Amino acid sequence: MKGFYFYLIVAIILIACPKKEVFTSANYNMNITWPILSSNGTWNSLPMTKAENQFSNEMPGGIAKFTDGEKIYILRFCTRVTRKLHPIADCFKSSGFKINVSQNIIIKDGKYFSTFNAIRDKESLFVMETFWDLNGKSWSDVSAWYWENNNDAKGPWYSCVIVSKSL
């Protein structure tokens, strides 16, 4: 009989608790204006992989991929604070890359970037990542962005990953 009361209490709690809205980009028609970040004037859209499309459908916002002919830019747009946005280094690690963290840098527009080298077999890439809001504030890593904005901050935010060949 104790088991019955336990499940009854759990059911009452679940019914009484407010339900969180499940927000995915697939649920909403969202027109995202992607910033053009190229310094050489070239800015071409790249097709998303199946995994990138899946991640985009689960994230509150969207993802796009571009190239300027030299670098690849992965842009993420986030409408609310979420744990779905994670460090890009995790993606590289899960793809078999060894990560060598480098020093954070500040680019001329004032954005803070974290940087690392990703190495797999004979492939060596230099990766930069930043997060920023529409007021110009930037963060060099997702944890700093998350904890500063977790309580009551209003988005949206952008994230940019720039991938180039290591020298």
Foldseek 3Di string as FASTA:
>chain_A
DVVVVVVVVVVVVVVPDDDDDQAFCVVDPDDDDDDDDDPVPAKAWDDDDPVQVVLRRRARFGWTWIDRVFKIKIKTKHFAQDPSDADCVVVLVVVPWDKDWDDWDADPLGAIWTWIWTDDDPFIKIKIKKKAFPVSDIDHGSVVVRVVRVPPHGGIMMMMMMIGGDD
